[in-house]
Amino acid sequence: MKVILLQDVKKIGKKGQVVEVADGLARNMLIPQKKARIATTTVVKDAHEQQKNVAHKKETHTQAIKDFLKSLDGRVCTHTARCNEKGGLYQALDAARIADIITTETKGKCDPAWIVIDQPIKQSGEHMVTLAYDGMQVVVSIVVESQ
């Protein structure tokens, strides 16, 4: 029996695939558990249309992120933090905090997963931070000033 999978099923296939399975497996497990539907022509057309829509949304989202990153390239973001006499920060700036700084400065959403740093920022001064997404890299300067 041909079915279209509504979710990933181990050893059978991924969501959206049309697969040939045993009749008993389809009737007794996949269809009652809402893991699959019988693959009629209309169901297959709807699934392909939905896959196209998901791919288009993902492409649009990726392009929006790339445009946002292009706007950040070379930008200087300033942050004020408590420091000791030697310029050491009392609280280090990790990727999540740097993302918050960039988000508040630019009014755009910056994901901490995009930030590439070896170690958290622990000193005041100017620091170059790389943001990477889908093969694209931009550099943002973070200036940490003492309070």
N, C-alpha and C. Protein backbone atom coordinates (compact mmCIF):
# COMPACT_ATOMS: atom_id res chain seq x y z
N MET A 1 0.85 -1.17 0.00
CA MET A 1 0.00 0.00 0.00
C MET A 1 0.90 1.24 0.00
N LYS A 2 0.57 2.21 -0.82
CA LYS A 2 1.33 3.45 -0.85
C LYS A 2 0.71 4.43 0.16
N VAL A 3 1.61 4.98 1.00
CA VAL A 3 1.17 5.96 1.99
C VAL A 3 2.11 7.15 1.93
N ILE A 4 1.61 8.27 2.39
CA ILE A 4 2.44 9.46 2.53
C ILE A 4 2.65 9.68 4.02
N LEU A 5 3.89 9.83 4.42
CA LEU A 5 4.21 9.96 5.84
C LEU A 5 3.93 11.37 6.34
N LEU A 6 3.27 11.46 7.46
CA LEU A 6 2.95 12.75 8.07
C LEU A 6 4.00 13.18 9.08
N GLN A 7 4.89 12.23 9.46
CA GLN A 7 6.01 12.53 10.35
C GLN A 7 7.11 11.50 10.08
N ASP A 8 8.29 11.76 10.59
CA ASP A 8 9.40 10.83 10.41
C ASP A 8 9.08 9.52 11.13
N VAL A 9 9.31 8.39 10.44
CA VAL A 9 9.10 7.07 11.02
C VAL A 9 10.38 6.27 10.81
N LYS A 10 10.93 5.74 11.91
CA LYS A 10 12.18 4.98 11.84
C LYS A 10 12.06 3.81 10.86
N LYS A 11 13.09 3.63 10.08
CA LYS A 11 13.25 2.53 9.12
C LYS A 11 12.22 2.54 8.00
N ILE A 12 11.39 3.57 7.93
CA ILE A 12 10.40 3.65 6.85
C ILE A 12 10.64 4.86 5.98
N GLY A 13 10.77 6.06 6.59
CA GLY A 13 11.02 7.25 5.78
C GLY A 13 10.82 8.53 6.57
N LYS A 14 10.99 9.62 5.85
CA LYS A 14 10.88 10.95 6.44
C LYS A 14 9.51 11.55 6.11
N LYS A 15 9.19 12.61 6.83
CA LYS A 15 7.92 13.31 6.65
C LYS A 15 7.79 13.80 5.20
N GLY A 16 6.63 13.56 4.61
CA GLY A 16 6.35 14.02 3.25
C GLY A 16 6.69 13.01 2.17
N GLN A 17 7.38 11.94 2.49
CA GLN A 17 7.74 10.94 1.50
C GLN A 17 6.56 10.03 1.20
N VAL A 18 6.48 9.58 -0.06
CA VAL A 18 5.50 8.57 -0.44
C VAL A 18 6.26 7.25 -0.46
N VAL A 19 5.82 6.32 0.38
CA VAL A 19 6.51 5.04 0.51
C VAL A 19 5.53 3.89 0.33
N GLU A 20 6.07 2.74 -0.08
CA GLU A 20 5.30 1.51 -0.22
C GLU A 20 5.53 0.69 1.04
N VAL A 21 4.46 0.40 1.78
CA VAL A 21 4.56 -0.41 3.00
C VAL A 21 3.54 -1.54 2.93
N ALA A 22 3.71 -2.50 3.81
CA ALA A 22 2.76 -3.62 3.89
C ALA A 22 1.39 -3.09 4.30
N ASP A 23 0.36 -3.74 3.77
CA ASP A 23 -1.01 -3.30 4.07
C ASP A 23 -1.28 -3.31 5.57
N GLY A 24 -0.84 -4.37 6.24
CA GLY A 24 -1.09 -4.49 7.68
C GLY A 24 -0.40 -3.40 8.47
N LEU A 25 0.83 -3.08 8.09
CA LEU A 25 1.55 -2.01 8.78
C LEU A 25 0.82 -0.68 8.62
N ALA A 26 0.35 -0.41 7.41
CA ALA A 26 -0.36 0.85 7.16
C ALA A 26 -1.67 0.89 7.94
N ARG A 27 -2.47 -0.18 7.85
CA ARG A 27 -3.80 -0.18 8.48
C ARG A 27 -3.75 -0.28 10.00
N ASN A 28 -2.78 -1.03 10.53
CA ASN A 28 -2.76 -1.29 11.97
C ASN A 28 -1.90 -0.32 12.77
N MET A 29 -0.90 0.30 12.13
CA MET A 29 -0.03 1.17 12.90
C MET A 29 0.03 2.60 12.37
N LEU A 30 0.43 2.75 11.13
CA LEU A 30 0.71 4.09 10.62
C LEU A 30 -0.53 4.98 10.53
N ILE A 31 -1.59 4.49 9.96
CA ILE A 31 -2.79 5.33 9.79
C ILE A 31 -3.50 5.59 11.13
N PRO A 32 -3.73 4.58 12.01
CA PRO A 32 -4.37 4.87 13.29
C PRO A 32 -3.57 5.82 14.19
N GLN A 33 -2.24 5.74 14.11
CA GLN A 33 -1.41 6.61 14.93
C GLN A 33 -1.16 7.97 14.28
N LYS A 34 -1.84 8.22 13.18
CA LYS A 34 -1.73 9.49 12.44
C LYS A 34 -0.29 9.78 12.00
N LYS A 35 0.44 8.71 11.65
CA LYS A 35 1.79 8.86 11.15
C LYS A 35 1.81 8.84 9.63
N ALA A 36 0.70 8.43 9.01
CA ALA A 36 0.65 8.36 7.56
C ALA A 36 -0.80 8.46 7.08
N ARG A 37 -0.95 8.78 5.79
CA ARG A 37 -2.24 8.78 5.12
C ARG A 37 -2.11 7.99 3.83
N ILE A 38 -3.20 7.44 3.37
CA ILE A 38 -3.17 6.71 2.10
C ILE A 38 -2.83 7.71 1.00
N ALA A 39 -1.93 7.32 0.13
CA ALA A 39 -1.41 8.23 -0.90
C ALA A 39 -2.33 8.27 -2.11
N THR A 40 -3.33 9.12 -2.06
CA THR A 40 -4.17 9.37 -3.23
C THR A 40 -3.55 10.51 -4.01
N THR A 41 -4.02 10.74 -5.21
CA THR A 41 -3.42 11.79 -6.05
C THR A 41 -3.58 13.17 -5.42
N THR A 42 -4.73 13.44 -4.81
CA THR A 42 -4.93 14.76 -4.19
C THR A 42 -4.04 14.95 -2.96
N VAL A 43 -3.89 13.88 -2.17
CA VAL A 43 -3.04 13.97 -0.98
C VAL A 43 -1.58 14.20 -1.39
N VAL A 44 -1.14 13.50 -2.44
CA VAL A 44 0.23 13.67 -2.92
C VAL A 44 0.44 15.09 -3.45
N LYS A 45 -0.54 15.61 -4.20
CA LYS A 45 -0.43 16.99 -4.71
C LYS A 45 -0.35 17.98 -3.56
N ASP A 46 -1.20 17.79 -2.54
CA ASP A 46 -1.18 18.69 -1.37
C ASP A 46 0.15 18.63 -0.65
N ALA A 47 0.70 17.41 -0.53
CA ALA A 47 1.99 17.26 0.15
C ALA A 47 3.10 17.96 -0.62
N HIS A 48 3.10 17.81 -1.94
CA HIS A 48 4.12 18.49 -2.75
C HIS A 48 3.97 20.00 -2.67
N GLU A 49 2.75 20.46 -2.68
CA GLU A 49 2.49 21.90 -2.55
C GLU A 49 2.98 22.42 -1.20
N GLN A 50 2.72 21.66 -0.16
CA GLN A 50 3.16 22.06 1.18
C GLN A 50 4.68 22.07 1.26
N GLN A 51 5.34 21.08 0.66
CA GLN A 51 6.80 21.05 0.65
C GLN A 51 7.37 22.25 -0.09
N LYS A 52 6.73 22.64 -1.20
CA LYS A 52 7.17 23.83 -1.94
C LYS A 52 7.03 25.08 -1.07
N ASN A 53 5.91 25.19 -0.36
CA ASN A 53 5.68 26.35 0.50
C ASN A 53 6.71 26.42 1.62
N VAL A 54 7.02 25.27 2.23
CA VAL A 54 8.00 25.23 3.31
C VAL A 54 9.38 25.62 2.78
N ALA A 55 9.74 25.11 1.61
CA ALA A 55 11.03 25.45 1.00
C ALA A 55 11.10 26.94 0.68
N HIS A 56 10.00 27.50 0.18
CA HIS A 56 9.98 28.93 -0.14
C HIS A 56 10.10 29.78 1.12
N LYS A 57 9.40 29.40 2.18
CA LYS A 57 9.49 30.14 3.44
C LYS A 57 10.90 30.08 4.00
N LYS A 58 11.52 28.90 3.93
CA LYS A 58 12.87 28.75 4.43
C LYS A 58 13.84 29.61 3.63
N GLU A 59 13.67 29.63 2.32
CA GLU A 59 14.53 30.44 1.45
C GLU A 59 14.35 31.93 1.75
N THR A 60 13.12 32.37 1.94
CA THR A 60 12.83 33.76 2.27
C THR A 60 13.44 34.13 3.62
N HIS A 61 13.30 33.23 4.58
CA HIS A 61 13.85 33.47 5.92
C HIS A 61 15.38 33.57 5.86
N THR A 62 16.00 32.66 5.12
CA THR A 62 17.46 32.68 4.97
C THR A 62 17.92 33.98 4.32
N GLN A 63 17.21 34.43 3.31
CA GLN A 63 17.58 35.67 2.63
C GLN A 63 17.42 36.87 3.56
N ALA A 64 16.38 36.87 4.39
CA ALA A 64 16.18 37.96 5.34
C ALA A 64 17.32 38.01 6.35
N ILE A 65 17.75 36.84 6.82
CA ILE A 65 18.87 36.79 7.77
C ILE A 65 20.15 37.29 7.11
N LYS A 66 20.38 36.88 5.86
CA LYS A 66 21.59 37.33 5.15
C LYS A 66 21.57 38.85 4.94
N ASP A 67 20.40 39.41 4.63
CA ASP A 67 20.29 40.86 4.48
C ASP A 67 20.58 41.57 5.80
N PHE A 68 20.07 41.01 6.89
CA PHE A 68 20.32 41.58 8.22
C PHE A 68 21.81 41.55 8.53
N LEU A 69 22.47 40.42 8.24
CA LEU A 69 23.90 40.31 8.50
C LEU A 69 24.71 41.29 7.63
N LYS A 70 24.28 41.49 6.38
CA LYS A 70 24.96 42.46 5.52
C LYS A 70 24.88 43.86 6.12
N SER A 71 23.74 44.17 6.72
CA SER A 71 23.59 45.49 7.33
C SER A 71 24.47 45.65 8.57
N LEU A 72 24.86 44.53 9.19
CA LEU A 72 25.70 44.58 10.39
C LEU A 72 27.19 44.68 10.07
N ASP A 73 27.59 44.34 8.85
CA ASP A 73 29.02 44.25 8.52
C ASP A 73 29.72 45.58 8.79
N GLY A 74 30.75 45.54 9.65
CA GLY A 74 31.53 46.72 9.97
C GLY A 74 30.90 47.62 11.03
N ARG A 75 29.78 47.26 11.55
CA ARG A 75 29.08 48.08 12.54
C ARG A 75 29.79 48.05 13.89
N VAL A 76 29.67 49.14 14.63
CA VAL A 76 30.26 49.25 15.96
C VAL A 76 29.12 49.30 16.98
N CYS A 77 29.14 48.36 17.92
CA CYS A 77 28.14 48.32 18.98
C CYS A 77 28.84 48.61 20.31
N THR A 78 28.25 49.50 21.10
CA THR A 78 28.86 49.90 22.36
C THR A 78 28.07 49.31 23.53
N HIS A 79 28.83 48.85 24.53
CA HIS A 79 28.20 48.27 25.72
C HIS A 79 28.93 48.80 26.95
N THR A 80 28.19 49.18 27.96
CA THR A 80 28.78 49.65 29.22
C THR A 80 28.62 48.56 30.26
N ALA A 81 29.74 48.23 30.93
CA ALA A 81 29.71 47.16 31.93
C ALA A 81 30.59 47.54 33.11
N ARG A 82 30.35 46.90 34.24
CA ARG A 82 31.17 47.13 35.42
C ARG A 82 32.52 46.46 35.24
N CYS A 83 33.59 47.22 35.55
CA CYS A 83 34.95 46.70 35.39
C CYS A 83 35.77 47.00 36.64
N ASN A 84 36.84 46.25 36.82
CA ASN A 84 37.78 46.56 37.90
C ASN A 84 38.79 47.60 37.40
N GLU A 85 39.78 47.94 38.22
CA GLU A 85 40.74 48.99 37.86
C GLU A 85 41.57 48.62 36.63
N LYS A 86 41.81 47.34 36.43
CA LYS A 86 42.64 46.89 35.31
C LYS A 86 41.84 46.72 34.02
N GLY A 87 40.56 46.97 34.05
CA GLY A 87 39.72 46.85 32.85
C GLY A 87 39.07 45.49 32.69
N GLY A 88 39.24 44.62 33.66
CA GLY A 88 38.61 43.30 33.59
C GLY A 88 37.14 43.38 33.94
N LEU A 89 36.31 42.71 33.19
CA LEU A 89 34.87 42.73 33.43
C LEU A 89 34.52 41.81 34.60
N TYR A 90 33.55 42.24 35.40
CA TYR A 90 33.07 41.39 36.48
C TYR A 90 32.21 40.25 35.94
N GLN A 91 31.59 40.48 34.80
CA GLN A 91 30.79 39.44 34.16
C GLN A 91 31.18 39.38 32.69
N ALA A 92 31.68 38.22 32.26
CA ALA A 92 32.15 38.06 30.88
C ALA A 92 30.97 38.14 29.91
N LEU A 93 31.28 38.56 28.68
CA LEU A 93 30.26 38.64 27.64
C LEU A 93 30.38 37.39 26.77
N ASP A 94 29.41 36.49 26.90
CA ASP A 94 29.41 35.29 26.07
C ASP A 94 28.55 35.55 24.82
N ALA A 95 28.35 34.53 24.01
CA ALA A 95 27.62 34.69 22.76
C ALA A 95 26.19 35.20 22.98
N ALA A 96 25.54 34.71 24.02
CA ALA A 96 24.15 35.14 24.28
C ALA A 96 24.09 36.63 24.64
N ARG A 97 25.02 37.08 25.47
CA ARG A 97 25.04 38.50 25.86
C ARG A 97 25.43 39.38 24.67
N ILE A 98 26.37 38.92 23.86
CA ILE A 98 26.75 39.69 22.67
C ILE A 98 25.56 39.79 21.72
N ALA A 99 24.81 38.71 21.57
CA ALA A 99 23.62 38.74 20.72
C ALA A 99 22.60 39.74 21.26
N ASP A 100 22.45 39.81 22.58
CA ASP A 100 21.54 40.79 23.18
C ASP A 100 22.01 42.22 22.90
N ILE A 101 23.32 42.45 22.98
CA ILE A 101 23.87 43.78 22.70
C ILE A 101 23.59 44.17 21.26
N ILE A 102 23.85 43.27 20.34
CA ILE A 102 23.61 43.55 18.91
C ILE A 102 22.13 43.77 18.66
N THR A 103 21.27 42.98 19.31
CA THR A 103 19.83 43.11 19.13
C THR A 103 19.34 44.47 19.60
N THR A 104 19.81 44.93 20.76
CA THR A 104 19.35 46.23 21.27
C THR A 104 19.91 47.38 20.44
N GLU A 105 21.12 47.25 19.93
CA GLU A 105 21.72 48.33 19.13
C GLU A 105 21.07 48.45 17.76
N THR A 106 20.70 47.33 17.16
CA THR A 106 20.25 47.34 15.77
C THR A 106 18.74 47.23 15.60
N LYS A 107 18.03 46.87 16.65
CA LYS A 107 16.58 46.66 16.60
C LYS A 107 16.22 45.48 15.69
N GLY A 108 17.18 44.60 15.45
CA GLY A 108 16.94 43.38 14.69
C GLY A 108 17.24 42.20 15.59
N LYS A 109 16.78 41.02 15.23
CA LYS A 109 16.96 39.83 16.06
C LYS A 109 18.26 39.13 15.68
N CYS A 110 19.18 39.04 16.63
CA CYS A 110 20.46 38.36 16.44
C CYS A 110 20.44 37.07 17.25
N ASP A 111 20.73 35.96 16.60
CA ASP A 111 20.73 34.65 17.25
C ASP A 111 22.13 34.35 17.80
N PRO A 112 22.24 33.91 19.06
CA PRO A 112 23.56 33.58 19.62
C PRO A 112 24.30 32.50 18.83
N ALA A 113 23.59 31.66 18.11
CA ALA A 113 24.23 30.60 17.32
C ALA A 113 25.05 31.17 16.17
N TRP A 114 24.77 32.38 15.74
CA TRP A 114 25.51 33.00 14.64
C TRP A 114 26.86 33.52 15.09
N ILE A 115 27.04 33.74 16.38
CA ILE A 115 28.25 34.39 16.89
C ILE A 115 29.37 33.38 17.04
N VAL A 116 30.52 33.72 16.46
CA VAL A 116 31.69 32.84 16.50
C VAL A 116 32.76 33.54 17.33
N ILE A 117 32.97 33.04 18.56
CA ILE A 117 34.04 33.56 19.40
C ILE A 117 34.73 32.37 20.06
N ASP A 118 36.05 32.49 20.25
CA ASP A 118 36.80 31.42 20.90
C ASP A 118 36.54 31.41 22.40
N GLN A 119 36.58 32.60 22.98
CA GLN A 119 36.38 32.75 24.42
C GLN A 119 35.48 33.95 24.67
N PRO A 120 34.78 33.95 25.80
CA PRO A 120 33.98 35.12 26.14
C PRO A 120 34.85 36.36 26.32
N ILE A 121 34.28 37.52 26.09
CA ILE A 121 34.99 38.79 26.26
C ILE A 121 35.09 39.08 27.76
N LYS A 122 36.33 39.28 28.25
CA LYS A 122 36.55 39.49 29.68
C LYS A 122 37.26 40.80 29.98
N GLN A 123 37.59 41.57 28.95
CA GLN A 123 38.30 42.84 29.13
C GLN A 123 37.52 43.96 28.47
N SER A 124 37.66 45.17 29.01
CA SER A 124 37.05 46.32 28.35
C SER A 124 37.90 46.68 27.14
N GLY A 125 37.34 47.42 26.23
CA GLY A 125 38.04 47.80 25.01
C GLY A 125 37.24 47.38 23.78
N GLU A 126 37.92 47.41 22.62
CA GLU A 126 37.25 47.06 21.37
C GLU A 126 37.58 45.62 21.00
N HIS A 127 36.54 44.87 20.65
CA HIS A 127 36.69 43.46 20.30
C HIS A 127 35.97 43.20 18.98
N MET A 128 36.63 42.46 18.09
CA MET A 128 36.03 42.11 16.81
C MET A 128 35.33 40.75 16.98
N VAL A 129 34.06 40.70 16.61
CA VAL A 129 33.26 39.49 16.74
C VAL A 129 32.76 39.11 15.35
N THR A 130 32.89 37.83 15.03
CA THR A 130 32.44 37.33 13.74
C THR A 130 31.06 36.70 13.89
N LEU A 131 30.18 37.05 12.95
CA LEU A 131 28.86 36.43 12.89
C LEU A 131 28.82 35.61 11.62
N ALA A 132 28.43 34.36 11.71
CA ALA A 132 28.41 33.46 10.56
C ALA A 132 27.04 32.79 10.45
N TYR A 133 26.56 32.73 9.22
CA TYR A 133 25.30 32.04 8.94
C TYR A 133 25.30 31.56 7.50
N ASP A 134 25.11 30.29 7.30
CA ASP A 134 24.95 29.69 5.97
C ASP A 134 26.07 30.09 5.02
N GLY A 135 27.31 29.99 5.49
CA GLY A 135 28.46 30.29 4.64
C GLY A 135 28.81 31.77 4.54
N MET A 136 28.04 32.64 5.14
CA MET A 136 28.29 34.08 5.09
C MET A 136 28.87 34.52 6.42
N GLN A 137 29.92 35.34 6.38
CA GLN A 137 30.54 35.84 7.60
C GLN A 137 30.66 37.35 7.55
N VAL A 138 30.33 38.00 8.67
CA VAL A 138 30.50 39.44 8.81
C VAL A 138 31.19 39.71 10.14
N VAL A 139 31.85 40.85 10.22
CA VAL A 139 32.57 41.22 11.45
C VAL A 139 31.91 42.44 12.06
N VAL A 140 31.64 42.36 13.36
CA VAL A 140 31.04 43.45 14.12
C VAL A 140 32.01 43.81 15.23
N SER A 141 32.17 45.08 15.46
CA SER A 141 33.05 45.55 16.52
C SER A 141 32.22 45.82 17.78
N ILE A 142 32.63 45.20 18.88
CA ILE A 142 31.96 45.41 20.17
C ILE A 142 32.90 46.23 21.04
N VAL A 143 32.47 47.42 21.42
CA VAL A 143 33.26 48.29 22.28
C VAL A 143 32.67 48.18 23.68
N VAL A 144 33.50 47.70 24.61
CA VAL A 144 33.07 47.55 26.00
C VAL A 144 33.69 48.68 26.80
N GLU A 145 32.83 49.54 27.37
CA GLU A 145 33.29 50.67 28.17
C GLU A 145 33.03 50.40 29.64
N SER A 146 33.90 50.94 30.50
CA SER A 146 33.70 50.73 31.94
C SER A 146 32.65 51.70 32.46
N GLN A 147 31.94 51.27 33.46
CA GLN A 147 30.84 52.03 34.01
C GLN A 147 31.33 53.06 35.00
